Amino acid sequence: MSRSRTAILAALALVAGASGTALAVVPGDAGIAAAPCTVDYKVQNDWGSGFTASVTVTNNSAAKSSWAVKWSYAGSQKVTNAWNAKVTQSGAAVTAANESYNGALATGGSASFGFQGTYSGSNAVPATFTLDGVTCNVDGGGPTDPGPTDPGPTGPSTKVDNPYAGAKMYVNPEWSAKAAAEPGGSRVSNQPTAVWLDRIAAINGVNGGMSLRDHLDAALTQKGSGELVVQLVIYNLPGRDCAALASNGELGPTEIDKYKTQYIDPIAAILADSKYAGLRIVNTIEIDSLPNLVTNTGSRPTATPQCDVMKANGNYQKGVGYALNKLGDAPNVYNYIDAGHHGWIGWDDNFAPSAALFKEAATSEGATVNDVHGFITNTANYSALKENNFTINDNVAGKSVRESKWVDWNRYVDELSFAQGFRNQLVTTGFNSGIGMLIDTSRNGWGGTARPAGPGASTTVDTYIEGGRYDRRIHIGNWCNQAGAGLGERPQAAPAAGIDAYVWVKPPGESDGSSSAIPNDEGKGFDRMCDPTYTGNPRNGNSMSGALPNAPVSGHWFSAQFQQLMQNAYPPLP
């Protein structure tokens, strides 16, 4: 979700295919009367007897204070639960009405909601949708109507509310080929993952690999006549990852000018090329950076000298601000700042200070909060999306779950509740009220035989949590190549309130860091947190690292991990 939305999605050609999506088609003649409303209905996951779907409605008529979208199924589909809308069903007829918080629908404005359903037989996309009784997805017609076979220009003139709504996502051919080459990998090799620009050389391609332009050109081919999101990771700050060694970067703590002129400026020039104006480009801005200045500096037991240096010189804030300012200029580019995860900044003494630091960075080097479309949590991490077997409000044997060893007085127990709560804090701190959140679900499924079916024994608060938690890490501070992890929710748009999308920003199968020191020319060091024999430090409660053995340098393909991620996927793979 964003600050404003005036772009109009026009007539939709409904295509009921393997993906079960409704694809947008933009008219080629501005003189044609636009459809009074459009509905984009997309099946996100389909497991043969049930499915999840997202729906985005766009109002091209007079502003509304409330709304209701209706459709009818041709098959046996039944809606079982929904989010961001009140959904009722009578026979085949379905009505989705606004919640109290999303009833306002301006001219050109959109609202998104999602639901889960069951079915037997076929699961075809509904043929007709109405908004308050008016049929959607039908334009004014006329002799110059381009029709579904002549989409016309697709370049947006202004930012949309949620760039993922009504859009496909770019499938990185390089990652897809590696995944497909694995036994069973074809089950996920068509999933969209992000392109990591983790050093200057990555802009033009490394070791014969695809350059940024190569990826954007490939995205244009994948796009076709619909909308497509390309996800990039901007990740090369001076003194990068000051509390870790596995992902240290190529730039020293003071090389802010090199970061600006040799890294950000070339990327900005490519993204601004009019050739790519029809793509929706989503940037994840500098993971694992700003929260370090809150949690790993000063007198804290987790502090490192490197993080103290970066806090003193301000180059994290300057770098993030410069990137936001330069990259956010193009109307089709969307910036999401990395916001850590609940096991990092979910505690009271980290929560509000992190939001304040993000505001400081977002108003540095010419940037404003208008350059921030949203935030992303759990990037390249393993925190469970939703812990269903307990909540933060539970009490067991006279104690709050917050007193358990695992929760350790955190305010949050999973990523979804954290992302929604932190979004509210960010708005309170001064970010625009329309910001949306992304959650990286690439490796937080925690399925397989070790996934608990219910809560643990109520003997003590610790037995209750330990027996019921999906996240099976030894400690919530463990982050490197975690044993037992699984693929999480597949990428999908608007899955929950305040969430723009679940995404796979960390490409599954790419290592977090090497298990032992491996010489390399990529500026990546050896971090003992990636060593399965390491007994820990204050950042992980002096616990075992929980890392898999025999891992390669960060970013390199790790077949054993990929196989385990598929084995433990949740939802399970077919």
Protein backbone atom coordinates (compact mmCIF):
# COMPACT_ATOMS: atom_id res chain seq x y z
CA MET A 1 0.00 0.00 0.00
CA SER A 2 1.18 3.48 -0.75
CA ARG A 3 0.61 7.14 -0.16
CA SER A 4 -1.80 7.86 -3.01
CA ARG A 5 -3.20 6.12 -6.00
CA THR A 6 -4.52 7.79 -9.16
CA ALA A 7 -3.46 5.25 -11.78
CA ILE A 8 -6.42 3.40 -13.31
CA LEU A 9 -6.34 -0.30 -14.02
CA ALA A 10 -8.61 -0.78 -16.98
CA ALA A 11 -10.47 -3.69 -18.54
CA LEU A 12 -9.44 -7.11 -17.30
CA ALA A 13 -9.32 -10.13 -19.58
CA LEU A 14 -10.25 -13.07 -17.38
CA VAL A 15 -8.05 -16.06 -18.07
CA ALA A 16 -8.78 -19.30 -16.24
CA GLY A 17 -5.57 -21.23 -16.60
CA ALA A 18 -3.23 -23.27 -14.48
CA SER A 19 -2.56 -20.30 -12.24
CA GLY A 20 -6.20 -19.31 -11.88
CA THR A 21 -5.54 -15.61 -12.39
CA ALA A 22 -7.38 -12.64 -13.80
CA LEU A 23 -4.94 -10.64 -15.92
CA ALA A 24 -5.06 -6.87 -16.39
CA VAL A 25 -5.32 -5.36 -19.87
CA VAL A 26 -4.80 -1.62 -20.21
CA PRO A 27 -6.68 0.21 -23.02
CA GLY A 28 -4.63 1.82 -25.72
CA ASP A 29 -6.89 4.83 -26.36
CA ALA A 30 -7.35 7.32 -23.56
CA GLY A 31 -10.53 8.56 -25.26
CA ILE A 32 -12.38 5.33 -24.55
CA ALA A 33 -14.62 5.33 -21.51
CA ALA A 34 -12.90 3.31 -18.81
CA ALA A 35 -14.58 0.42 -17.08
CA PRO A 36 -16.56 1.78 -14.09
CA CYS A 37 -14.67 -0.67 -11.94
CA THR A 38 -12.17 -3.49 -12.30
CA VAL A 39 -11.69 -6.63 -10.27
CA ASP A 40 -8.52 -8.70 -10.25
CA TYR A 41 -9.20 -12.18 -8.83
CA LYS A 42 -6.14 -14.39 -8.39
CA VAL A 43 -5.85 -17.92 -7.03
CA GLN A 44 -2.67 -17.92 -4.94
CA ASN A 45 -2.44 -21.53 -3.74
CA ASP A 46 -4.45 -24.54 -4.95
CA TRP A 47 -3.97 -27.97 -3.37
CA GLY A 48 -6.73 -29.89 -5.16
CA SER A 49 -9.43 -29.67 -2.51
CA GLY A 50 -8.91 -26.12 -1.33
CA PHE A 51 -7.35 -22.81 -2.29
CA THR A 52 -6.51 -19.27 -1.24
CA ALA A 53 -7.25 -16.26 -3.43
CA SER A 54 -6.62 -12.51 -3.44
CA VAL A 55 -8.98 -9.94 -4.90
CA THR A 56 -8.30 -6.30 -5.75
CA VAL A 57 -11.17 -4.00 -6.70
CA THR A 58 -10.52 -0.62 -8.33
CA ASN A 59 -13.21 2.04 -8.40
CA ASN A 60 -13.16 4.23 -11.53
CA SER A 61 -16.45 5.99 -10.71
CA ALA A 62 -17.53 8.43 -7.97
CA ALA A 63 -15.87 8.03 -4.57
CA LYS A 64 -17.51 5.59 -2.16
CA SER A 65 -17.72 5.40 1.63
CA SER A 66 -18.60 1.69 1.54
CA TRP A 67 -18.55 -1.06 -1.07
CA ALA A 68 -19.56 -4.61 -1.88
CA VAL A 69 -18.12 -6.88 -4.57
CA LYS A 70 -20.23 -9.80 -5.81
CA TRP A 71 -19.60 -12.81 -8.01
CA SER A 72 -20.94 -16.32 -8.57
CA TYR A 73 -19.05 -19.59 -8.90
CA ALA A 74 -19.73 -22.05 -11.69
CA GLY A 75 -18.43 -24.93 -9.57
CA SER A 76 -18.61 -26.12 -5.97
CA GLN A 77 -16.32 -23.49 -4.43
CA LYS A 78 -17.12 -22.51 -0.84
CA VAL A 79 -15.46 -19.64 1.05
CA THR A 80 -14.43 -20.75 4.54
CA ASN A 81 -12.69 -17.65 5.95
CA ALA A 82 -11.57 -14.23 4.76
CA TRP A 83 -9.46 -11.21 5.66
CA ASN A 84 -9.78 -7.48 4.85
CA ALA A 85 -13.46 -8.01 3.89
CA LYS A 86 -16.68 -9.50 5.29
CA VAL A 87 -17.38 -12.39 2.93
CA THR A 88 -20.72 -14.22 2.87
CA GLN A 89 -21.99 -16.90 0.51
CA SER A 90 -25.43 -18.14 -0.47
CA GLY A 91 -25.28 -21.07 -2.84
CA ALA A 92 -22.93 -20.07 -5.63
CA ALA A 93 -23.33 -16.34 -4.98
CA VAL A 94 -20.58 -14.59 -2.98
CA THR A 95 -20.61 -11.08 -1.47
CA ALA A 96 -17.47 -9.37 -0.13
CA ALA A 97 -18.23 -6.16 1.80
CA ASN A 98 -15.74 -3.72 3.26
CA GLU A 99 -14.51 -3.78 6.82
CA SER A 100 -14.90 -0.65 8.95
CA TYR A 101 -11.31 0.43 8.22
CA ASN A 102 -11.30 0.11 4.40
CA GLY A 103 -14.73 1.34 3.32
CA ALA A 104 -13.47 4.54 1.68
CA LEU A 105 -12.85 3.96 -2.02
CA ALA A 106 -11.79 7.10 -3.88
CA THR A 107 -12.09 7.56 -7.63
CA GLY A 108 -9.18 5.53 -8.98
CA GLY A 109 -8.71 3.95 -5.54
CA SER A 110 -8.34 0.26 -4.82
CA ALA A 111 -9.03 -2.16 -2.00
CA SER A 112 -7.60 -5.66 -1.62
CA PHE A 113 -8.84 -8.64 0.36
CA GLY A 114 -8.23 -12.37 0.47
CA PHE A 115 -9.94 -15.58 1.44
CA GLN A 116 -9.61 -19.35 1.73
CA GLY A 117 -12.02 -21.83 0.21
CA THR A 118 -12.74 -25.45 -0.56
CA TYR A 119 -13.91 -27.14 -3.76
CA SER A 120 -14.20 -30.42 -5.64
CA GLY A 121 -13.84 -30.84 -9.37
CA SER A 122 -12.83 -27.61 -11.12
CA ASN A 123 -11.83 -24.25 -9.64
CA ALA A 124 -12.52 -21.83 -12.48
CA VAL A 125 -12.18 -18.08 -12.12
CA PRO A 126 -15.62 -16.41 -11.90
CA ALA A 127 -16.73 -14.86 -15.20
CA THR A 128 -18.45 -11.70 -13.89
CA PHE A 129 -17.91 -9.31 -11.00
CA THR A 130 -19.98 -6.37 -9.81
CA LEU A 131 -19.19 -3.45 -7.51
CA ASP A 132 -22.31 -2.15 -5.78
CA GLY A 133 -24.42 -3.65 -8.56
CA VAL A 134 -22.36 -2.28 -11.46
CA THR A 135 -20.64 -4.80 -13.72
CA CYS A 136 -16.86 -4.44 -13.66
CA ASN A 137 -14.15 -5.26 -16.24
CA VAL A 138 -16.21 -3.94 -19.16
CA ASP A 139 -15.14 -0.65 -20.77
CA GLY A 140 -17.08 1.89 -22.81
CA GLY A 141 -16.38 0.13 -26.11
CA GLY A 142 -16.34 1.97 -29.41
CA PRO A 143 -14.67 1.53 -32.79
CA THR A 144 -11.16 2.07 -31.45
CA ASP A 145 -11.51 -0.30 -28.48
CA PRO A 146 -8.28 -2.34 -28.58
CA GLY A 147 -9.88 -5.43 -27.00
CA PRO A 148 -8.07 -8.15 -25.15
CA THR A 149 -5.71 -8.91 -28.05
CA ASP A 150 -4.31 -5.36 -28.31
CA PRO A 151 -3.37 -4.18 -24.83
CA GLY A 152 -1.71 -0.90 -25.82
CA PRO A 153 0.82 0.83 -23.55
CA THR A 154 1.36 -0.60 -20.08
CA GLY A 155 3.63 1.95 -18.43
CA PRO A 156 2.11 3.37 -15.24
CA SER A 157 2.02 7.13 -14.82
CA THR A 158 1.88 7.06 -11.04
CA LYS A 159 2.47 4.62 -8.20
CA VAL A 160 -0.25 2.11 -7.47
CA ASP A 161 -1.51 1.32 -4.00
CA ASN A 162 -0.02 -2.17 -3.82
CA PRO A 163 2.44 -3.02 -6.60
CA TYR A 164 1.84 -6.75 -6.12
CA ALA A 165 -1.93 -6.56 -6.57
CA GLY A 166 -3.04 -7.77 -9.97
CA ALA A 167 0.53 -8.50 -11.05
CA LYS A 168 2.70 -11.51 -11.74
CA MET A 169 6.19 -11.63 -10.19
CA TYR A 170 9.47 -12.07 -12.04
CA VAL A 171 10.95 -15.56 -12.02
CA ASN A 172 14.75 -15.24 -11.94
CA PRO A 173 15.97 -17.58 -14.73
CA GLU A 174 19.30 -18.18 -12.99
CA TRP A 175 17.72 -19.30 -9.72
CA SER A 176 14.99 -21.20 -11.55
CA ALA A 177 17.56 -23.25 -13.48
CA LYS A 178 19.40 -24.21 -10.27
CA ALA A 179 16.16 -25.19 -8.54
CA ALA A 180 14.92 -27.20 -11.53
CA ALA A 181 18.22 -29.12 -11.68
CA GLU A 182 17.58 -30.49 -8.17
CA PRO A 183 15.59 -33.72 -7.74
CA GLY A 184 12.00 -32.55 -7.16
CA GLY A 185 13.00 -28.93 -7.73
CA SER A 186 10.58 -28.44 -10.62
CA ARG A 187 7.82 -28.19 -8.01
CA VAL A 188 9.08 -24.73 -7.03
CA SER A 189 11.38 -23.62 -9.85
CA ASN A 190 8.63 -21.41 -11.28
CA GLN A 191 8.34 -19.37 -8.07
CA PRO A 192 9.43 -15.70 -8.15
CA THR A 193 12.56 -14.75 -6.20
CA ALA A 194 14.50 -11.51 -5.84
CA VAL A 195 17.63 -10.48 -7.72
CA TRP A 196 20.42 -9.57 -5.28
CA LEU A 197 22.71 -6.67 -6.17
CA ASP A 198 25.19 -7.37 -3.38
CA ARG A 199 28.25 -5.67 -4.93
CA ILE A 200 29.09 -3.20 -7.64
CA ALA A 201 30.05 -5.94 -10.10
CA ALA A 202 26.56 -7.47 -9.84
CA ILE A 203 25.14 -4.51 -11.78
CA ASN A 204 26.88 -5.73 -14.93
CA GLY A 205 26.81 -9.43 -14.05
CA VAL A 206 29.31 -11.63 -12.22
CA ASN A 207 31.22 -14.53 -13.77
CA GLY A 208 29.19 -14.45 -16.94
CA GLY A 209 25.88 -14.20 -15.09
CA MET A 210 22.96 -11.94 -15.91
CA SER A 211 23.33 -8.19 -15.45
CA LEU A 212 20.65 -5.93 -14.03
CA ARG A 213 19.63 -4.97 -17.57
CA ASP A 214 19.54 -8.64 -18.55
CA HIS A 215 17.09 -9.30 -15.73
CA LEU A 216 14.91 -6.32 -16.62
CA ASP A 217 14.88 -7.35 -20.29
CA ALA A 218 13.88 -10.88 -19.28
CA ALA A 219 11.16 -9.37 -17.10
CA LEU A 220 9.71 -7.52 -20.09
CA THR A 221 9.42 -10.85 -21.89
CA GLN A 222 7.74 -12.50 -18.89
CA LYS A 223 5.43 -9.54 -18.46
CA GLY A 224 3.45 -9.93 -21.66
CA SER A 225 0.35 -7.75 -21.66
CA GLY A 226 -0.22 -7.84 -17.90
CA GLU A 227 1.55 -6.28 -14.93
CA LEU A 228 4.76 -7.71 -13.51
CA VAL A 229 6.79 -7.01 -10.36
CA VAL A 230 10.59 -7.28 -10.45
CA GLN A 231 12.15 -7.60 -6.99
CA LEU A 232 15.66 -6.26 -6.38
CA VAL A 233 17.76 -6.33 -3.21
CA ILE A 234 19.89 -3.20 -2.75
CA TYR A 235 22.63 -4.49 -0.49
CA ASN A 236 26.07 -2.90 -0.44
CA LEU A 237 26.29 -0.34 2.35
CA PRO A 238 29.69 0.83 3.61
CA GLY A 239 30.67 -1.35 6.58
CA ARG A 240 27.81 -3.69 5.74
CA ASP A 241 26.44 -6.09 8.37
CA CYS A 242 28.52 -4.73 11.21
CA ALA A 243 27.44 -7.52 13.58
CA ALA A 244 28.13 -10.40 11.18
CA LEU A 245 31.08 -11.62 9.16
CA ALA A 246 29.52 -14.00 6.64
CA SER A 247 27.93 -11.15 4.70
CA ASN A 248 30.45 -8.35 5.15
CA GLY A 249 30.60 -6.35 1.94
CA GLU A 250 33.19 -4.89 -0.37
CA LEU A 251 32.99 -1.29 0.92
CA GLY A 252 34.81 -0.05 4.00
CA PRO A 253 33.04 1.95 6.73
CA THR A 254 33.96 5.35 5.21
CA GLU A 255 33.38 4.60 1.52
CA ILE A 256 30.01 6.36 1.33
CA ASP A 257 30.95 8.34 -1.79
CA LYS A 258 31.86 5.16 -3.64
CA TYR A 259 28.55 3.66 -2.56
CA LYS A 260 26.72 6.64 -4.03
CA THR A 261 28.58 7.13 -7.31
CA GLN A 262 29.62 3.59 -8.26
CA TYR A 263 26.69 1.62 -6.88
CA ILE A 264 23.46 3.56 -6.36
CA ASP A 265 23.82 6.04 -9.24
CA PRO A 266 24.34 3.35 -11.93
CA ILE A 267 21.39 1.35 -10.61
CA ALA A 268 19.20 4.46 -10.55
CA ALA A 269 20.13 5.28 -14.15
CA ILE A 270 19.09 1.82 -15.33
CA LEU A 271 15.81 1.82 -13.40
CA ALA A 272 14.96 5.24 -14.86
CA ASP A 273 15.32 3.98 -18.45
CA SER A 274 11.95 4.50 -20.18
CA LYS A 275 12.34 1.02 -21.69
CA TYR A 276 11.43 -0.39 -18.26
CA ALA A 277 8.64 2.05 -17.39
CA GLY A 278 6.02 -0.68 -17.75
CA LEU A 279 7.57 -2.83 -15.03
CA ARG A 280 6.79 -2.49 -11.35
CA ILE A 281 10.23 -2.51 -9.72
CA VAL A 282 10.31 -3.26 -5.97
CA ASN A 283 13.52 -2.55 -4.08
CA THR A 284 14.35 -4.13 -0.72
CA ILE A 285 16.65 -1.50 0.75
CA GLU A 286 19.74 -2.63 2.67
CA ILE A 287 18.89 -5.64 4.79
CA ASP A 288 20.48 -6.20 8.21
CA SER A 289 21.73 -2.64 8.55
CA LEU A 290 19.77 -0.03 10.47
CA PRO A 291 18.55 -2.26 13.36
CA ASN A 292 22.20 -3.00 14.18
CA LEU A 293 22.60 0.62 15.26
CA VAL A 294 19.88 0.06 17.87
CA THR A 295 20.72 -3.39 19.19
CA ASN A 296 24.46 -3.85 18.69
CA THR A 297 26.03 -0.60 19.85
CA GLY A 298 27.04 1.16 23.03
CA SER A 299 26.92 -0.67 26.36
CA ARG A 300 24.70 -3.52 25.23
CA PRO A 301 26.23 -6.98 25.67
CA THR A 302 25.59 -7.61 21.96
CA ALA A 303 27.56 -4.54 20.85
CA THR A 304 30.42 -4.82 18.36
CA PRO A 305 33.17 -2.26 17.64
CA GLN A 306 32.18 -2.29 13.96
CA CYS A 307 28.60 -1.26 14.76
CA ASP A 308 29.82 1.49 17.08
CA VAL A 309 31.88 2.85 14.17
CA MET A 310 28.88 2.84 11.83
CA LYS A 311 26.67 4.54 14.41
CA ALA A 312 29.29 7.24 14.91
CA ASN A 313 29.88 8.02 11.23
CA GLY A 314 26.20 7.89 10.19
CA ASN A 315 26.92 6.20 6.88
CA TYR A 316 24.13 3.66 7.27
CA GLN A 317 21.56 6.46 7.50
CA LYS A 318 23.23 8.42 4.71
CA GLY A 319 23.43 5.40 2.44
CA VAL A 320 19.82 4.36 2.98
CA GLY A 321 18.59 7.93 2.54
CA TYR A 322 20.58 8.37 -0.67
CA ALA A 323 19.27 5.08 -2.07
CA LEU A 324 15.66 5.99 -1.23
CA ASN A 325 16.02 9.41 -2.81
CA LYS A 326 17.70 8.32 -6.03
CA LEU A 327 15.87 5.06 -6.65
CA GLY A 328 12.43 6.34 -5.73
CA ASP A 329 12.33 9.06 -8.37
CA ALA A 330 10.85 6.82 -11.10
CA PRO A 331 7.05 6.42 -10.81
CA ASN A 332 7.27 2.66 -11.34
CA VAL A 333 9.84 2.06 -8.57
CA TYR A 334 8.76 1.09 -5.05
CA ASN A 335 11.13 1.19 -2.07
CA TYR A 336 10.68 -1.10 0.94
CA ILE A 337 13.14 -0.65 3.82
CA ASP A 338 14.32 -3.77 5.62
CA ALA A 339 12.85 -3.82 9.14
CA GLY A 340 14.56 -6.82 10.73
CA HIS A 341 12.23 -9.39 12.28
CA HIS A 342 10.28 -9.96 15.48
CA GLY A 343 13.17 -11.84 17.11
CA TRP A 344 15.37 -8.78 16.62
CA ILE A 345 13.34 -5.66 17.30
CA GLY A 346 10.13 -7.02 18.86
CA TRP A 347 11.24 -6.08 22.39
CA ASP A 348 10.13 -2.79 23.95
CA ASP A 349 13.60 -1.27 24.06
CA ASN A 350 14.16 -2.00 20.34
CA PHE A 351 10.70 -1.42 18.86
CA ALA A 352 10.11 2.35 18.93
CA PRO A 353 13.83 3.26 18.69
CA SER A 354 14.10 1.25 15.46
CA ALA A 355 11.13 3.07 13.94
CA ALA A 356 12.68 6.40 14.91
CA LEU A 357 15.99 5.41 13.32
CA PHE A 358 14.21 4.40 10.10
CA LYS A 359 12.55 7.83 10.05
CA GLU A 360 15.97 9.45 10.47
CA ALA A 361 17.37 7.49 7.53
CA ALA A 362 14.29 8.14 5.39
CA THR A 363 14.75 11.90 5.80
CA SER A 364 18.49 11.92 5.09
CA GLU A 365 20.38 12.83 1.92
CA GLY A 366 17.37 14.45 0.26
CA ALA A 367 14.96 11.59 0.92
CA THR A 368 11.48 12.04 2.42
CA VAL A 369 8.95 9.59 3.80
CA ASN A 370 7.25 9.80 0.39
CA ASP A 371 10.20 7.82 -1.01
CA VAL A 372 9.20 4.88 1.23
CA HIS A 373 6.42 2.66 -0.08
CA GLY A 374 6.69 0.26 2.82
CA PHE A 375 8.88 -2.08 4.86
CA ILE A 376 9.90 -5.73 4.69
CA THR A 377 10.41 -8.09 7.63
CA ASN A 378 12.12 -11.46 8.03
CA THR A 379 14.37 -10.96 5.01
CA ALA A 380 16.60 -14.05 4.65
CA ASN A 381 15.46 -15.14 8.12
CA TYR A 382 13.53 -18.04 9.59
CA SER A 383 10.92 -16.57 11.96
CA ALA A 384 7.60 -18.42 11.69
CA LEU A 385 4.87 -16.53 9.88
CA LYS A 386 2.12 -17.45 12.35
CA GLU A 387 2.38 -19.46 15.55
CA ASN A 388 -1.09 -21.01 15.79
CA ASN A 389 -0.55 -23.04 18.96
CA PHE A 390 -0.14 -20.09 21.32
CA THR A 391 -0.49 -16.31 21.46
CA ILE A 392 1.35 -13.59 23.31
CA ASN A 393 -1.67 -13.24 25.62
CA ASP A 394 -1.67 -16.85 26.87
CA ASN A 395 -1.03 -17.69 30.52
CA VAL A 396 0.12 -21.13 31.67
CA ALA A 397 0.64 -22.31 35.24
CA GLY A 398 0.21 -18.75 36.45
CA LYS A 399 2.77 -17.25 34.09
CA SER A 400 2.56 -15.29 30.84
CA VAL A 401 4.12 -16.85 27.74
CA ARG A 402 6.34 -13.77 27.72
CA GLU A 403 8.17 -15.31 30.69
CA SER A 404 9.10 -18.43 28.72
CA LYS A 405 12.71 -18.97 27.74
CA TRP A 406 11.80 -18.87 24.03
CA VAL A 407 9.71 -15.68 24.02
CA ASP A 408 11.92 -14.00 26.64
CA TRP A 409 9.65 -10.98 27.23
CA ASN A 410 9.23 -10.19 23.53
CA ARG A 411 5.93 -8.53 22.59
CA TYR A 412 5.52 -10.75 19.52
CA VAL A 413 5.66 -14.48 18.83
CA ASP A 414 5.58 -14.52 15.02
CA GLU A 415 6.22 -12.38 11.94
CA LEU A 416 2.67 -11.59 10.89
CA SER A 417 1.68 -10.05 14.22
CA PHE A 418 5.02 -8.23 14.35
CA ALA A 419 4.75 -6.82 10.83
CA GLN A 420 1.24 -5.56 11.51
CA GLY A 421 2.19 -4.10 14.88
CA PHE A 422 5.37 -2.50 13.61
CA ARG A 423 3.49 -0.95 10.71
CA ASN A 424 1.33 0.90 13.25
CA GLN A 425 4.45 2.07 15.08
CA LEU A 426 6.00 3.34 11.84
CA VAL A 427 2.88 5.34 11.02
CA THR A 428 2.88 6.79 14.54
CA THR A 429 6.55 7.74 14.03
CA GLY A 430 5.74 9.77 10.92
CA PHE A 431 5.59 7.45 7.93
CA ASN A 432 2.60 7.71 5.61
CA SER A 433 -0.52 5.89 6.74
CA GLY A 434 -0.72 3.95 3.48
CA ILE A 435 2.58 2.10 3.83
CA GLY A 436 2.43 -1.64 3.28
CA MET A 437 4.51 -4.49 4.65
CA LEU A 438 6.20 -7.40 2.95
CA ILE A 439 7.19 -10.63 4.73
CA ASP A 440 9.90 -12.93 3.39
CA THR A 441 8.39 -16.41 3.67
CA SER A 442 11.06 -18.22 1.66
CA ARG A 443 12.37 -20.31 4.57
CA ASN A 444 9.96 -20.01 7.50
CA GLY A 445 7.53 -22.85 6.81
CA TRP A 446 8.88 -25.24 9.48
CA GLY A 447 6.82 -28.17 8.22
CA GLY A 448 7.65 -31.84 8.01
CA THR A 449 7.39 -34.42 10.77
CA ALA A 450 8.73 -32.04 13.44
CA ARG A 451 5.82 -29.59 13.04
CA PRO A 452 3.69 -29.71 16.22
CA ALA A 453 0.00 -30.47 15.82
CA GLY A 454 -0.99 -28.50 18.91
CA PRO A 455 0.30 -26.75 22.01
CA GLY A 456 2.73 -28.36 24.39
CA ALA A 457 1.92 -29.67 27.84
CA SER A 458 0.58 -27.07 30.26
CA THR A 459 2.93 -28.22 33.01
CA THR A 460 4.99 -25.02 32.77
CA VAL A 461 5.08 -22.09 30.43
CA ASP A 462 8.25 -23.52 28.87
CA THR A 463 6.76 -26.97 28.19
CA TYR A 464 3.74 -25.24 26.67
CA ILE A 465 5.82 -23.16 24.27
CA GLU A 466 8.52 -25.73 23.51
CA GLY A 467 6.00 -28.39 22.62
CA GLY A 468 3.88 -26.14 20.43
CA ARG A 469 6.14 -23.73 18.56
CA TYR A 470 6.60 -24.21 14.80
CA ASP A 471 9.94 -22.37 14.75
CA ARG A 472 12.35 -25.15 15.75
CA ARG A 473 15.53 -23.11 16.00
CA ILE A 474 17.62 -23.59 19.11
CA HIS A 475 17.49 -19.83 19.72
CA ILE A 476 15.61 -17.06 17.97
CA GLY A 477 18.90 -15.25 17.36
CA ASN A 478 20.19 -18.05 15.11
CA TRP A 479 20.19 -16.98 11.47
CA CYS A 480 22.66 -19.05 9.42
CA ASN A 481 21.60 -22.09 7.34
CA GLN A 482 19.22 -23.33 10.00
CA ALA A 483 18.72 -27.09 10.26
CA GLY A 484 15.14 -28.30 9.96
CA ALA A 485 13.76 -25.22 8.15
CA GLY A 486 11.26 -25.48 5.30
CA LEU A 487 9.87 -23.39 2.48
CA GLY A 488 7.10 -21.10 3.70
CA GLU A 489 3.98 -19.63 2.14
CA ARG A 490 4.30 -19.19 -1.60
CA PRO A 491 4.57 -15.61 -2.86
CA GLN A 492 1.16 -13.95 -2.97
CA ALA A 493 -0.37 -10.48 -2.93
CA ALA A 494 -2.45 -8.92 -0.14
CA PRO A 495 -2.61 -12.00 2.14
CA ALA A 496 -3.53 -10.15 5.35
CA ALA A 497 -4.38 -6.71 6.71
CA GLY A 498 -1.55 -4.24 6.12
CA ILE A 499 0.54 -6.81 4.22
CA ASP A 500 1.23 -6.02 0.58
CA ALA A 501 2.63 -9.49 -0.14
CA TYR A 502 4.38 -12.60 1.03
CA VAL A 503 7.59 -12.78 -0.99
CA TRP A 504 10.63 -14.98 -1.50
CA VAL A 505 13.36 -12.36 -1.30
CA LYS A 506 16.02 -14.82 -0.14
CA PRO A 507 16.26 -17.38 -2.96
CA PRO A 508 15.84 -20.79 -1.29
CA GLY A 509 18.98 -22.87 -1.71
CA GLU A 510 21.43 -19.97 -1.52
CA SER A 511 23.73 -20.27 1.49
CA ASP A 512 23.77 -17.76 4.34
CA GLY A 513 27.49 -18.30 4.89
CA SER A 514 30.19 -20.96 4.90
CA SER A 515 30.53 -23.54 7.68
CA SER A 516 34.28 -22.96 7.75
CA ALA A 517 36.64 -20.35 6.35
CA ILE A 518 36.70 -20.38 2.55
CA PRO A 519 38.94 -17.91 0.68
CA ASN A 520 36.96 -15.82 -1.83
CA ASP A 521 37.14 -12.60 -3.84
CA GLU A 522 33.61 -11.45 -2.87
CA GLY A 523 34.50 -9.69 0.39
CA LYS A 524 32.68 -12.34 2.44
CA GLY A 525 34.21 -13.51 5.69
CA PHE A 526 33.69 -16.52 7.92
CA ASP A 527 31.16 -16.15 10.73
CA ARG A 528 31.16 -18.75 13.52
CA MET A 529 27.35 -18.53 13.56
CA CYS A 530 27.52 -20.60 10.35
CA ASP A 531 29.68 -23.25 12.05
CA PRO A 532 27.53 -26.11 13.42
CA THR A 533 30.04 -26.68 16.25
CA TYR A 534 29.87 -23.07 17.51
CA THR A 535 28.55 -22.64 21.04
CA GLY A 536 27.34 -19.09 20.56
CA ASN A 537 27.59 -15.52 21.86
CA PRO A 538 25.32 -13.02 23.61
CA ARG A 539 23.33 -12.40 20.40
CA ASN A 540 22.03 -15.97 20.46
CA GLY A 541 22.00 -16.54 24.20
CA ASN A 542 25.30 -18.43 24.04
CA SER A 543 23.48 -21.30 22.33
CA MET A 544 24.58 -23.72 19.63
CA SER A 545 24.34 -22.15 16.17
CA GLY A 546 21.92 -24.69 14.72
CA ALA A 547 23.64 -24.35 11.32
CA LEU A 548 23.87 -27.06 8.69
CA PRO A 549 27.35 -28.47 7.97
CA ASN A 550 29.33 -28.24 4.72
CA ALA A 551 27.83 -24.93 3.61
CA PRO A 552 29.47 -22.83 0.86
CA VAL A 553 30.12 -19.07 0.87
CA SER A 554 27.03 -16.89 1.26
CA GLY A 555 25.00 -16.62 -1.92
CA HIS A 556 26.40 -19.82 -3.40
CA TRP A 557 24.16 -22.81 -4.09
CA PHE A 558 23.69 -25.18 -1.16
CA SER A 559 22.01 -28.34 -2.49
CA ALA A 560 21.59 -30.08 0.87
CA GLN A 561 19.80 -27.07 2.30
CA PHE A 562 17.50 -26.79 -0.73
CA GLN A 563 16.51 -30.43 -0.41
CA GLN A 564 15.72 -29.97 3.27
CA LEU A 565 13.69 -26.82 2.57
CA MET A 566 11.54 -28.74 0.10
CA GLN A 567 11.17 -31.69 2.47
CA ASN A 568 9.98 -29.46 5.32
CA ALA A 569 7.87 -27.07 3.25
CA TYR A 570 4.68 -25.74 4.79
CA PRO A 571 2.26 -25.63 3.08
CA PRO A 572 3.64 -28.97 1.84
CA LEU A 573 4.76 -29.35 -1.75
CA PRO A 574 2.71 -31.64 -4.02
